Protein backbone atom coordinates (compact mmCIF):
# COMPACT_ATOMS: atom_id res chain seq x y z
CA MET A 1 0.00 0.00 0.00
CA GLU A 2 1.26 3.48 -0.86
CA LYS A 3 2.42 5.40 2.18
CA VAL A 4 0.58 8.70 2.47
CA LYS A 5 2.47 11.66 3.96
CA VAL A 6 0.10 13.17 6.54
CA GLY A 7 0.78 16.70 7.77
CA ILE A 8 -0.68 17.50 11.19
CA SER A 9 -0.99 21.05 12.51
CA CYS A 10 -0.74 21.14 16.31
CA GLY A 11 -3.72 23.40 17.09
CA ASP A 12 -3.90 25.29 20.38
CA MET A 13 -1.11 24.00 22.60
CA ASN A 14 -3.20 24.84 25.71
CA GLY A 15 -5.98 22.49 24.58
CA VAL A 16 -6.15 18.76 23.95
CA GLY A 17 -5.08 18.68 20.30
CA LEU A 18 -1.42 17.76 20.62
CA GLU A 19 -2.20 15.33 23.44
CA THR A 20 -4.48 13.39 21.12
CA VAL A 21 -1.86 13.45 18.35
CA ILE A 22 0.78 11.98 20.65
CA LYS A 23 -1.62 9.34 21.96
CA VAL A 24 -2.46 8.25 18.41
CA PHE A 25 1.20 7.68 17.56
CA CYS A 26 2.06 5.92 20.79
CA ASP A 27 0.56 3.03 18.84
CA THR A 28 3.34 2.34 16.34
CA ARG A 29 0.97 0.39 14.10
CA MET A 30 -0.16 3.81 12.86
CA LEU A 31 3.17 4.08 11.04
CA GLU A 32 2.56 1.12 8.75
CA ASN A 33 0.82 2.99 5.93
CA ILE A 34 1.41 6.66 6.63
CA ILE A 35 4.33 9.03 7.17
CA PRO A 36 3.23 11.55 9.81
CA VAL A 37 4.68 15.06 9.87
CA ILE A 38 3.79 17.11 12.95
CA TYR A 39 4.15 20.90 12.79
CA SER A 40 4.94 22.07 16.31
CA HIS A 41 8.01 22.42 18.51
CA ALA A 42 10.09 19.92 20.49
CA GLU A 43 9.61 21.81 23.77
CA ILE A 44 5.82 21.80 23.40
CA ILE A 45 5.87 18.06 22.75
CA LYS A 46 8.14 17.55 25.76
CA GLN A 47 5.74 19.40 28.05
CA THR A 48 2.69 17.64 26.62
CA LYS A 49 4.19 14.16 27.06
CA ARG A 50 4.41 14.69 30.82
CA ILE A 51 0.68 14.83 31.44
CA GLY A 52 -0.60 11.46 30.33
CA GLY A 53 2.02 8.76 30.64
CA MET A 54 3.09 9.18 27.02
CA GLU A 55 6.82 8.81 27.52
CA GLU A 56 6.98 5.96 24.99
CA PHE A 57 6.21 8.46 22.22
CA THR A 58 9.29 9.05 20.06
CA TYR A 59 9.95 11.14 16.98
CA GLN A 60 12.73 12.36 14.75
CA ASN A 61 13.40 15.99 13.87
CA ALA A 62 12.97 16.85 10.20
CA SER A 63 14.31 20.12 8.79
CA THR A 64 11.43 20.15 6.31
CA ALA A 65 8.58 17.82 5.38
CA GLU A 66 10.71 16.64 2.47
CA ASP A 67 13.12 15.08 4.99
CA ALA A 68 10.38 13.01 6.65
CA VAL A 69 11.13 9.30 6.81
CA ALA A 70 8.90 6.23 6.98
CA LYS A 71 8.34 4.19 10.14
CA LYS A 72 8.88 7.26 12.33
CA VAL A 73 6.93 10.27 13.54
CA ASN A 74 8.54 13.35 12.02
CA LEU A 75 8.59 16.74 13.73
CA VAL A 76 9.04 19.98 11.80
CA ASN A 77 9.80 22.80 14.24
CA CYS A 78 7.77 25.82 13.14
CA TRP A 79 9.99 28.34 14.91
CA LYS A 80 13.56 28.36 16.20
CA GLU A 81 12.85 28.79 19.88
CA PHE A 82 9.89 28.31 22.17
CA LYS A 83 10.08 30.34 25.35
CA GLY A 84 7.45 29.78 28.00
CA ASP A 85 5.23 27.08 29.39
CA ILE A 86 1.98 25.59 28.24
CA GLU A 87 -0.91 27.13 30.19
CA TRP A 88 -3.41 24.32 30.19
CA GLY A 89 -7.00 25.33 29.62
CA LYS A 90 -6.27 29.00 28.96
CA PRO A 91 -6.88 30.87 25.68
CA THR A 92 -3.58 32.77 25.54
CA ALA A 93 -2.15 34.99 22.82
CA LEU A 94 0.91 32.74 22.58
CA GLY A 95 -1.30 29.68 22.10
CA GLY A 96 -3.06 31.42 19.23
CA GLU A 97 0.22 32.47 17.63
CA MET A 98 1.67 28.95 17.78
CA ALA A 99 -1.52 27.44 16.33
CA ARG A 100 -1.55 29.95 13.50
CA ARG A 101 2.10 29.39 12.61
CA SER A 102 1.64 25.63 12.65
CA LEU A 103 -1.35 25.82 10.31
CA GLU A 104 0.29 28.27 7.91
CA MET A 105 3.42 26.19 7.59
CA ALA A 106 1.52 22.93 7.14
CA ALA A 107 -0.80 24.49 4.58
CA SER A 108 2.17 25.92 2.68
CA ASP A 109 3.76 22.47 2.50
CA LEU A 110 0.47 20.98 1.38
CA ALA A 111 0.17 23.54 -1.40
CA SER A 112 3.67 22.71 -2.65
CA ASN A 113 3.08 18.93 -2.46
CA LYS A 114 5.55 18.31 0.35
CA ILE A 115 2.78 16.52 2.21
CA ASP A 116 -0.17 14.67 0.70
CA VAL A 117 -2.97 15.57 3.12
CA LEU A 118 -3.58 17.87 6.07
CA VAL A 119 -5.11 16.98 9.44
CA THR A 120 -5.75 19.98 11.67
CA ALA A 121 -5.88 19.71 15.44
CA PRO A 122 -8.41 22.18 16.90
CA PHE A 123 -7.56 25.79 17.60
CA ASN A 124 -9.42 28.61 19.37
CA LYS A 125 -11.14 30.70 16.69
CA ASP A 126 -10.68 33.84 18.81
CA ASN A 127 -7.05 33.96 19.91
CA VAL A 128 -5.77 32.77 16.52
CA GLN A 129 -6.88 36.00 14.84
CA ASN A 130 -4.46 38.76 13.83
CA ALA A 131 -4.14 41.41 11.11
CA ASP A 132 -3.23 38.81 8.47
CA PHE A 133 -5.45 35.96 9.69
CA ASN A 134 -9.11 36.90 9.88
CA PHE A 135 -11.09 33.71 9.33
CA PRO A 136 -13.85 32.08 11.41
CA GLY A 137 -12.23 28.66 11.03
CA HIS A 138 -9.93 26.30 9.15
CA THR A 139 -12.51 25.80 6.39
CA GLU A 140 -12.63 29.45 5.39
CA TYR A 141 -8.84 29.84 5.57
CA LEU A 142 -8.18 26.86 3.30
CA ALA A 143 -10.94 27.93 0.90
CA LYS A 144 -9.26 31.34 0.59
CA MET A 145 -5.94 29.64 -0.11
CA ALA A 146 -7.54 27.52 -2.80
CA GLY A 147 -9.19 30.55 -4.37
CA THR A 148 -12.72 29.22 -4.01
CA GLU A 149 -15.81 29.93 -1.96
CA LYS A 150 -17.50 26.71 -3.04
CA VAL A 151 -16.71 24.44 -0.13
CA LEU A 152 -18.80 22.34 2.21
CA MET A 153 -18.32 21.63 5.89
CA PHE A 154 -18.90 17.88 5.79
CA LEU A 155 -19.09 15.87 9.03
CA VAL A 156 -18.46 12.23 8.22
CA SER A 157 -18.45 8.89 10.00
CA PRO A 158 -19.10 5.32 8.85
CA ALA A 159 -22.78 5.60 9.83
CA LEU A 160 -23.62 9.25 9.18
CA LYS A 161 -22.51 12.08 6.89
CA ILE A 162 -23.89 15.61 7.32
CA GLY A 163 -23.11 18.74 5.31
CA ILE A 164 -24.03 22.30 6.32
CA VAL A 165 -25.48 24.98 4.04
CA THR A 166 -24.61 28.08 6.07
CA GLY A 167 -21.61 27.03 8.19
CA HIS A 168 -20.19 29.58 10.63
CA VAL A 169 -23.03 32.10 10.41
CA PRO A 170 -24.86 33.75 13.37
CA LEU A 171 -28.26 32.15 13.90
CA LYS A 172 -30.10 35.43 13.27
CA GLU A 173 -28.57 35.53 9.77
CA VAL A 174 -29.27 31.93 8.76
CA SER A 175 -32.61 32.45 7.02
CA ALA A 176 -31.26 35.24 4.82
CA ASN A 177 -28.40 32.96 3.78
CA ILE A 178 -30.69 30.09 2.75
CA THR A 179 -31.10 30.56 -0.99
CA LYS A 180 -31.93 28.24 -3.89
CA GLU A 181 -28.52 28.91 -5.39
CA LYS A 182 -26.63 28.10 -2.19
CA ILE A 183 -28.56 24.88 -1.50
CA THR A 184 -28.01 23.77 -5.10
CA GLU A 185 -24.31 24.54 -4.82
CA LYS A 186 -23.91 22.60 -1.57
CA LEU A 187 -25.79 19.61 -2.98
CA ALA A 188 -23.46 19.56 -5.99
CA ILE A 189 -20.36 19.65 -3.79
CA MET A 190 -21.78 16.93 -1.53
CA ARG A 191 -22.73 14.68 -4.44
CA GLU A 192 -19.32 15.04 -6.08
CA SER A 193 -17.56 14.35 -2.77
CA LEU A 194 -19.64 11.25 -2.08
CA GLU A 195 -18.76 9.91 -5.52
CA ARG A 196 -15.12 10.98 -5.72
CA ASP A 197 -13.98 10.91 -2.08
CA PHE A 198 -16.09 8.12 -0.60
CA GLY A 199 -16.77 5.86 -3.58
CA ILE A 200 -20.59 6.09 -3.54
CA PRO A 201 -21.65 6.15 -7.23
CA THR A 202 -25.34 7.17 -6.94
CA PRO A 203 -25.72 8.79 -3.51
CA ARG A 204 -29.07 9.24 -1.78
CA ILE A 205 -29.18 12.66 -0.09
CA ALA A 206 -31.72 13.86 2.45
CA VAL A 207 -32.38 17.61 2.84
CA LEU A 208 -33.58 19.02 6.16
CA GLY A 209 -36.06 21.85 6.56
CA LEU A 210 -35.16 25.08 8.31
CA ASN A 211 -38.16 25.50 10.59
CA PRO A 212 -39.71 23.19 13.20
CA HIS A 213 -41.57 20.31 11.49
CA ALA A 214 -40.17 21.56 8.17
CA GLY A 215 -42.55 24.53 8.33
CA ASP A 216 -45.82 22.54 8.63
CA ASN A 217 -46.90 23.60 5.13
CA GLY A 218 -46.13 27.23 5.82
CA LEU A 219 -47.68 27.50 9.27
CA ILE A 220 -44.26 27.83 10.97
CA GLY A 221 -42.29 29.57 8.24
CA THR A 222 -42.24 29.54 4.48
CA GLU A 223 -38.59 28.82 3.65
CA GLU A 224 -39.41 25.19 2.95
CA LYS A 225 -42.17 25.97 0.43
CA ASP A 226 -40.46 28.95 -1.17
CA VAL A 227 -36.82 27.90 -1.24
CA ILE A 228 -35.95 24.36 -0.15
CA LEU A 229 -38.69 22.26 -1.77
CA PRO A 230 -38.25 23.84 -5.23
CA VAL A 231 -34.56 22.89 -5.12
CA VAL A 232 -35.37 19.31 -4.13
CA ARG A 233 -37.89 19.03 -7.00
CA ASP A 234 -35.38 20.48 -9.45
CA GLN A 235 -32.77 17.95 -8.33
CA VAL A 236 -35.22 15.09 -8.80
CA GLU A 237 -36.11 16.31 -12.29
CA LYS A 238 -32.41 16.23 -13.15
CA GLY A 239 -32.20 12.60 -12.10
CA PHE A 240 -30.49 13.01 -8.73
CA HIS A 241 -31.55 11.06 -5.65
CA VAL A 242 -32.48 13.97 -3.39
CA TYR A 243 -35.32 13.84 -0.84
CA GLY A 244 -37.01 16.21 1.60
CA PRO A 245 -37.31 18.60 3.22
CA PHE A 246 -37.53 16.64 6.46
CA GLY A 247 -38.21 17.95 9.97
CA ALA A 248 -34.87 17.55 11.74
CA ASP A 249 -36.10 16.23 15.09
CA GLY A 250 -38.16 13.33 13.80
CA PHE A 251 -35.64 12.60 11.07
CA PHE A 252 -32.90 11.76 13.54
CA GLY A 253 -35.14 10.51 16.32
CA SER A 254 -36.74 7.87 14.10
CA GLY A 255 -33.46 6.72 12.59
CA ALA A 256 -34.54 7.84 9.10
CA TYR A 257 -31.01 9.12 8.48
CA LEU A 258 -29.89 5.49 8.16
CA LYS A 259 -31.71 5.25 4.81
CA PHE A 260 -29.49 7.90 3.19
CA ASP A 261 -25.85 8.25 2.23
CA ALA A 262 -25.70 11.85 3.44
CA VAL A 263 -27.80 14.65 4.92
CA LEU A 264 -27.77 18.36 4.08
CA ALA A 265 -28.60 20.51 7.12
CA MET A 266 -29.48 24.19 6.87
CA TYR A 267 -27.33 25.55 9.70
CA HIS A 268 -24.43 24.62 11.96
CA ASP A 269 -26.08 23.26 15.10
CA GLN A 270 -28.91 21.59 13.20
CA GLY A 271 -26.32 19.29 11.68
CA LEU A 272 -23.54 19.16 14.24
CA ALA A 273 -25.67 18.53 17.33
CA PRO A 274 -27.14 15.22 16.11
CA PHE A 275 -23.86 14.26 14.45
CA LYS A 276 -21.88 14.64 17.65
CA ALA A 277 -24.57 12.85 19.63
CA LEU A 278 -24.56 9.90 17.23
CA ALA A 279 -20.95 9.72 16.05
CA PHE A 280 -18.74 11.71 18.43
CA ASP A 281 -15.93 9.16 18.81
CA SER A 282 -15.78 8.22 15.13
CA GLY A 283 -16.70 11.61 13.67
CA VAL A 284 -14.48 13.65 11.38
CA ASN A 285 -14.78 17.17 10.00
CA PHE A 286 -13.92 17.03 6.28
CA THR A 287 -13.76 20.06 4.00
CA ALA A 288 -15.41 18.95 0.76
CA GLY A 289 -14.94 20.91 -2.45
CA LEU A 290 -11.26 21.73 -1.95
CA PRO A 291 -8.63 20.56 -4.42
CA ILE A 292 -6.63 19.29 -1.43
CA VAL A 293 -7.59 16.87 1.36
CA ARG A 294 -8.14 18.30 4.81
CA THR A 295 -9.76 16.69 7.85
CA SER A 296 -9.94 17.39 11.57
CA PRO A 297 -11.44 15.78 14.66
CA ASP A 298 -15.05 16.76 15.28
CA HIS A 299 -14.31 18.36 18.67
CA GLY A 300 -12.78 21.63 19.76
CA VAL A 301 -9.86 22.62 21.98
CA ALA A 302 -11.64 21.24 25.09
CA TYR A 303 -9.94 23.55 27.57
CA ASP A 304 -11.89 21.85 30.37
CA LEU A 305 -10.02 18.60 29.73
CA ALA A 306 -6.62 20.07 28.87
CA GLY A 307 -3.61 19.02 30.94
CA GLN A 308 -5.35 16.08 32.59
CA GLY A 309 -4.17 13.35 30.25
CA THR A 310 -7.73 12.10 29.75
CA ALA A 311 -8.50 13.34 26.22
CA ASP A 312 -9.87 10.71 23.83
CA GLU A 313 -7.83 10.40 20.65
CA ALA A 314 -10.42 8.38 18.67
CA SER A 315 -11.67 11.28 16.53
CA LEU A 316 -8.13 12.42 15.67
CA ARG A 317 -7.26 8.86 14.64
CA ALA A 318 -10.40 8.72 12.50
CA ALA A 319 -9.44 12.05 10.90
CA ILE A 320 -6.07 10.60 9.86
CA PHE A 321 -7.67 7.45 8.44
CA THR A 322 -10.31 9.47 6.57
CA ALA A 323 -7.75 11.83 5.03
CA THR A 324 -5.66 8.88 3.89
CA ASP A 325 -8.64 7.02 2.44
CA VAL A 326 -9.92 10.09 0.59
CA PHE A 327 -6.48 10.81 -0.88
CA LEU A 328 -6.17 7.27 -2.24
CA LYS A 329 -9.75 7.24 -3.56
CA ARG A 330 -9.16 10.49 -5.40
CA LYS A 331 -6.15 8.98 -7.12
CA GLU A 332 -8.36 6.16 -8.38
CA TYR A 333 -11.22 8.45 -9.39
CA ARG A 334 -11.59 9.27 -13.07
CA GLY A 335 -10.11 12.59 -14.06
CA PHE A 336 -7.99 13.05 -10.93
CA ALA A 337 -5.01 15.29 -11.76
CA GLY A 338 -3.29 15.61 -8.42
CA ASN A 339 -3.02 18.68 -6.21
CA PRO A 340 -3.61 21.78 -8.36
CA LEU A 341 -2.69 24.26 -5.64
CA GLN A 342 0.55 26.01 -6.41
CA LYS A 343 3.06 27.46 -4.03
CA GLN A 344 2.71 30.95 -5.47
CA ASP A 345 -0.97 31.02 -4.48
CA ILE A 346 -0.10 31.50 -0.83
CA LYS A 347 2.08 33.84 1.11
CA GLU A 348 5.65 32.72 1.62
CA ASN A 349 5.97 32.02 5.32
CA ARG A 350 8.37 29.20 6.03
CA GLU A 351 11.64 30.98 6.77
CA ASP A 352 10.27 34.19 8.23
CA ARG A 353 7.85 32.28 10.50
CA ARG A 354 10.74 30.37 12.12
CA GLU A 355 12.18 33.53 13.63
């Protein structure tokens, strides 16, 4: 089996991200089919190893991702020196800076084909911001790098796959952002991803309503009748297997989601709440629609668990497996032409970010 080079950004050092990364690779069987490249710093790894009995974790320093070797965990130091201590459970400015540098360097290497896929440990969306980085999350940052706005936040697990129409949008703005064009666009991205990335040739997609009980024929809102249902009917007329709109509560409560290959939810919590309830340990956040492969665990920085050594690494492990599987499936898919992102599309940041 081809060994896939997996780049892993370290996320917020004061959270649980790096702990879960180290726990995953304490199991050396993970090195059989992948070459992991962690973007962090040796001192941060040293401090993290102390908290959870992870002393068996070993790695080798790599000057760049190109120097990464098989059968070992490879560490690329994102800056020359790290001065300070991890402050477990605290959203510090230094934690945001380290997370941002790690992501930028990993993304730069992904764009120039020095790694095959990117797995992002969670960061704090607040303290990572600065004058040059003004994005509500990884998805928007990578979409900007790729020069596209047509991406889909796609939560995936073996039993359930949910995409989101509006993503990181305040709840009061959701309805205004639900348009026929946007729903159609997200369905197209989802369908292509199911076929290309997950090997499902004729996917069955369920579409949720926006309002309680999917509007009850207009009694509790008209978005279903005016916007969502016309899109579903148009998709059916074009020969696609699209169904709905369904009321979200009964749809998940009755297990109806099991009849479909994927579900399109209208807003963030409508999709993520049931997904995390049903597939938290095995769930992965996948950015569909990008020319590169990026996944992350389906949880956040979890400051409340940080520094205790009790974080569960299952979702991070699943994110690595999913990224690897998608990369290999894309290579088999008809018309795949590799990673079209070019180094010049992103800001040079390797050498100056090490200072």
